[in-house]
Amino acid sequence: MAQPTIKARKAKVYSYEGTLTETIHVRTAHVLTDSQRELVLQFIGGIGFLGVMALPGFIESFPWPF
């Protein structure tokens, strides 16, 4: 499984002395595993391939000239 990513953000922190700007570190977890991400990319590639293969038939279905 992929390691979580640590992101740093600047945030305003309120205290008795006033407003301070601090760096806050946030750990984000990935929604998909590496194998699930690969399957999604394969699916998108397959849909794109089918679209490219259907494009010539779609173009030839139009009457020429316009």
N, C-alpha and C. Protein backbone atom coordinates (compact mmCIF):
# COMPACT_ATOMS: atom_id res chain seq x y z
N MET A 1 0.84 -1.18 0.00
CA MET A 1 0.00 0.00 0.00
C MET A 1 0.89 1.24 0.00
N ALA A 2 0.42 2.27 -0.64
CA ALA A 2 1.20 3.49 -0.75
C ALA A 2 1.29 4.20 0.60
N GLN A 3 2.43 4.84 0.79
CA GLN A 3 2.64 5.56 2.03
C GLN A 3 1.83 6.86 2.02
N PRO A 4 1.32 7.28 3.18
CA PRO A 4 0.59 8.55 3.22
C PRO A 4 1.52 9.73 2.93
N THR A 5 0.97 10.75 2.36
CA THR A 5 1.73 11.94 2.02
C THR A 5 1.57 12.96 3.14
N ILE A 6 2.65 13.62 3.50
CA ILE A 6 2.60 14.65 4.53
C ILE A 6 2.70 16.01 3.84
N LYS A 7 1.67 16.85 4.05
CA LYS A 7 1.64 18.17 3.45
C LYS A 7 1.78 19.22 4.54
N ALA A 8 2.50 20.27 4.24
CA ALA A 8 2.68 21.37 5.19
C ALA A 8 1.84 22.56 4.72
N ARG A 9 1.12 23.16 5.66
CA ARG A 9 0.30 24.32 5.35
C ARG A 9 0.54 25.40 6.39
N LYS A 10 0.42 26.62 5.96
CA LYS A 10 0.48 27.76 6.88
C LYS A 10 -0.95 28.02 7.36
N ALA A 11 -1.09 28.24 8.67
CA ALA A 11 -2.41 28.50 9.24
C ALA A 11 -2.29 29.55 10.32
N LYS A 12 -3.39 30.29 10.52
CA LYS A 12 -3.43 31.28 11.59
C LYS A 12 -3.89 30.60 12.87
N VAL A 13 -3.12 30.81 13.93
CA VAL A 13 -3.44 30.24 15.23
C VAL A 13 -3.72 31.40 16.18
N TYR A 14 -4.85 31.33 16.85
CA TYR A 14 -5.24 32.39 17.77
C TYR A 14 -4.78 32.04 19.19
N SER A 15 -4.18 33.01 19.86
CA SER A 15 -3.74 32.82 21.23
C SER A 15 -4.01 34.10 22.00
N TYR A 16 -3.62 34.11 23.26
CA TYR A 16 -3.84 35.30 24.09
C TYR A 16 -3.00 36.49 23.63
N GLU A 17 -1.84 36.21 23.02
CA GLU A 17 -0.99 37.30 22.54
C GLU A 17 -1.49 37.89 21.24
N GLY A 18 -2.33 37.18 20.51
CA GLY A 18 -2.83 37.66 19.22
C GLY A 18 -2.81 36.51 18.21
N THR A 19 -2.76 36.88 16.96
CA THR A 19 -2.78 35.89 15.90
C THR A 19 -1.35 35.55 15.48
N LEU A 20 -1.05 34.25 15.45
CA LEU A 20 0.26 33.77 15.02
C LEU A 20 0.10 32.94 13.76
N THR A 21 1.12 32.94 12.92
CA THR A 21 1.12 32.08 11.73
C THR A 21 2.03 30.90 12.01
N GLU A 22 1.48 29.72 11.97
CA GLU A 22 2.22 28.50 12.26
C GLU A 22 2.16 27.55 11.07
N THR A 23 3.11 26.64 10.98
CA THR A 23 3.10 25.59 9.96
C THR A 23 2.46 24.35 10.55
N ILE A 24 1.42 23.85 9.89
CA ILE A 24 0.70 22.66 10.34
C ILE A 24 0.98 21.55 9.35
N HIS A 25 1.34 20.37 9.84
CA HIS A 25 1.62 19.22 9.00
C HIS A 25 0.40 18.31 8.99
N VAL A 26 -0.08 17.97 7.80
CA VAL A 26 -1.28 17.16 7.63
C VAL A 26 -0.91 15.89 6.90
N ARG A 27 -1.31 14.76 7.43
CA ARG A 27 -1.05 13.48 6.77
C ARG A 27 -2.30 13.08 5.99
N THR A 28 -2.14 12.86 4.69
CA THR A 28 -3.26 12.47 3.85
C THR A 28 -3.10 11.02 3.45
N ALA A 29 -4.18 10.27 3.48
CA ALA A 29 -4.18 8.87 3.07
C ALA A 29 -4.77 8.76 1.68
N HIS A 30 -4.19 7.91 0.85
CA HIS A 30 -4.67 7.73 -0.51
C HIS A 30 -5.98 6.95 -0.50
N VAL A 31 -6.88 7.28 -1.40
CA VAL A 31 -8.18 6.63 -1.47
C VAL A 31 -8.05 5.26 -2.13
N LEU A 32 -7.26 5.17 -3.19
CA LEU A 32 -7.10 3.92 -3.93
C LEU A 32 -5.72 3.32 -3.65
N THR A 33 -5.66 1.99 -3.67
CA THR A 33 -4.37 1.33 -3.59
C THR A 33 -3.71 1.39 -4.96
N ASP A 34 -2.46 0.98 -5.04
CA ASP A 34 -1.75 1.03 -6.32
C ASP A 34 -2.40 0.12 -7.35
N SER A 35 -2.84 -1.06 -6.97
CA SER A 35 -3.48 -1.98 -7.93
C SER A 35 -4.84 -1.43 -8.38
N GLN A 36 -5.59 -0.82 -7.48
CA GLN A 36 -6.87 -0.23 -7.87
C GLN A 36 -6.65 0.94 -8.81
N ARG A 37 -5.62 1.76 -8.55
CA ARG A 37 -5.32 2.89 -9.41
C ARG A 37 -4.95 2.40 -10.81
N GLU A 38 -4.19 1.29 -10.89
CA GLU A 38 -3.81 0.74 -12.18
C GLU A 38 -5.04 0.24 -12.94
N LEU A 39 -5.97 -0.40 -12.25
CA LEU A 39 -7.20 -0.87 -12.91
C LEU A 39 -8.04 0.29 -13.43
N VAL A 40 -8.13 1.37 -12.67
CA VAL A 40 -8.89 2.54 -13.12
C VAL A 40 -8.24 3.14 -14.36
N LEU A 41 -6.92 3.24 -14.36
CA LEU A 41 -6.23 3.79 -15.54
C LEU A 41 -6.40 2.88 -16.76
N GLN A 42 -6.39 1.56 -16.56
CA GLN A 42 -6.63 0.64 -17.67
C GLN A 42 -8.04 0.79 -18.22
N PHE A 43 -9.01 0.97 -17.34
CA PHE A 43 -10.39 1.16 -17.77
C PHE A 43 -10.53 2.45 -18.59
N ILE A 44 -9.93 3.53 -18.10
CA ILE A 44 -10.00 4.81 -18.82
C ILE A 44 -9.30 4.68 -20.18
N GLY A 45 -8.17 3.98 -20.22
CA GLY A 45 -7.48 3.77 -21.48
C GLY A 45 -8.30 2.93 -22.45
N GLY A 46 -9.01 1.91 -21.94
CA GLY A 46 -9.86 1.09 -22.79
C GLY A 46 -11.01 1.89 -23.38
N ILE A 47 -11.63 2.74 -22.57
CA ILE A 47 -12.72 3.59 -23.07
C ILE A 47 -12.19 4.56 -24.12
N GLY A 48 -11.02 5.13 -23.87
CA GLY A 48 -10.41 6.02 -24.86
C GLY A 48 -10.09 5.30 -26.16
N PHE A 49 -9.59 4.06 -26.06
CA PHE A 49 -9.28 3.28 -27.27
C PHE A 49 -10.55 2.99 -28.06
N LEU A 50 -11.63 2.63 -27.39
CA LEU A 50 -12.89 2.37 -28.09
C LEU A 50 -13.42 3.64 -28.75
N GLY A 51 -13.25 4.78 -28.09
CA GLY A 51 -13.67 6.04 -28.68
C GLY A 51 -12.89 6.37 -29.94
N VAL A 52 -11.57 6.13 -29.92
CA VAL A 52 -10.74 6.40 -31.10
C VAL A 52 -11.10 5.44 -32.23
N MET A 53 -11.40 4.18 -31.90
CA MET A 53 -11.77 3.22 -32.93
C MET A 53 -13.13 3.53 -33.56
N ALA A 54 -14.05 4.11 -32.79
CA ALA A 54 -15.38 4.44 -33.31
C ALA A 54 -15.40 5.76 -34.06
N LEU A 55 -14.37 6.57 -33.91
CA LEU A 55 -14.35 7.90 -34.53
C LEU A 55 -14.43 7.87 -36.06
N PRO A 56 -13.70 7.02 -36.78
CA PRO A 56 -13.83 7.02 -38.25
C PRO A 56 -15.24 6.66 -38.72
N GLY A 57 -15.90 5.70 -38.09
CA GLY A 57 -17.26 5.37 -38.48
C GLY A 57 -18.22 6.51 -38.21
N PHE A 58 -18.00 7.22 -37.10
CA PHE A 58 -18.85 8.36 -36.78
C PHE A 58 -18.65 9.47 -37.81
N ILE A 59 -17.42 9.71 -38.22
CA ILE A 59 -17.13 10.76 -39.21
C ILE A 59 -17.73 10.39 -40.56
N GLU A 60 -17.63 9.11 -40.95
CA GLU A 60 -18.14 8.70 -42.26
C GLU A 60 -19.65 8.63 -42.31
N SER A 61 -20.32 8.68 -41.17
CA SER A 61 -21.78 8.64 -41.18
C SER A 61 -22.39 9.98 -41.58
N PHE A 62 -21.60 11.06 -41.58
CA PHE A 62 -22.10 12.36 -41.98
C PHE A 62 -22.17 12.45 -43.51
N PRO A 63 -23.19 13.12 -44.04
CA PRO A 63 -23.23 13.32 -45.51
C PRO A 63 -22.17 14.35 -45.94
N TRP A 64 -21.55 14.07 -47.07
CA TRP A 64 -20.53 14.98 -47.58
C TRP A 64 -21.03 15.62 -48.85
N PRO A 65 -20.73 16.77 -49.22
CA PRO A 65 -20.13 17.82 -48.42
C PRO A 65 -21.16 18.44 -47.48
N PHE A 66 -20.71 19.22 -46.54
CA PHE A 66 -21.63 19.80 -45.55
C PHE A 66 -22.54 20.80 -46.18
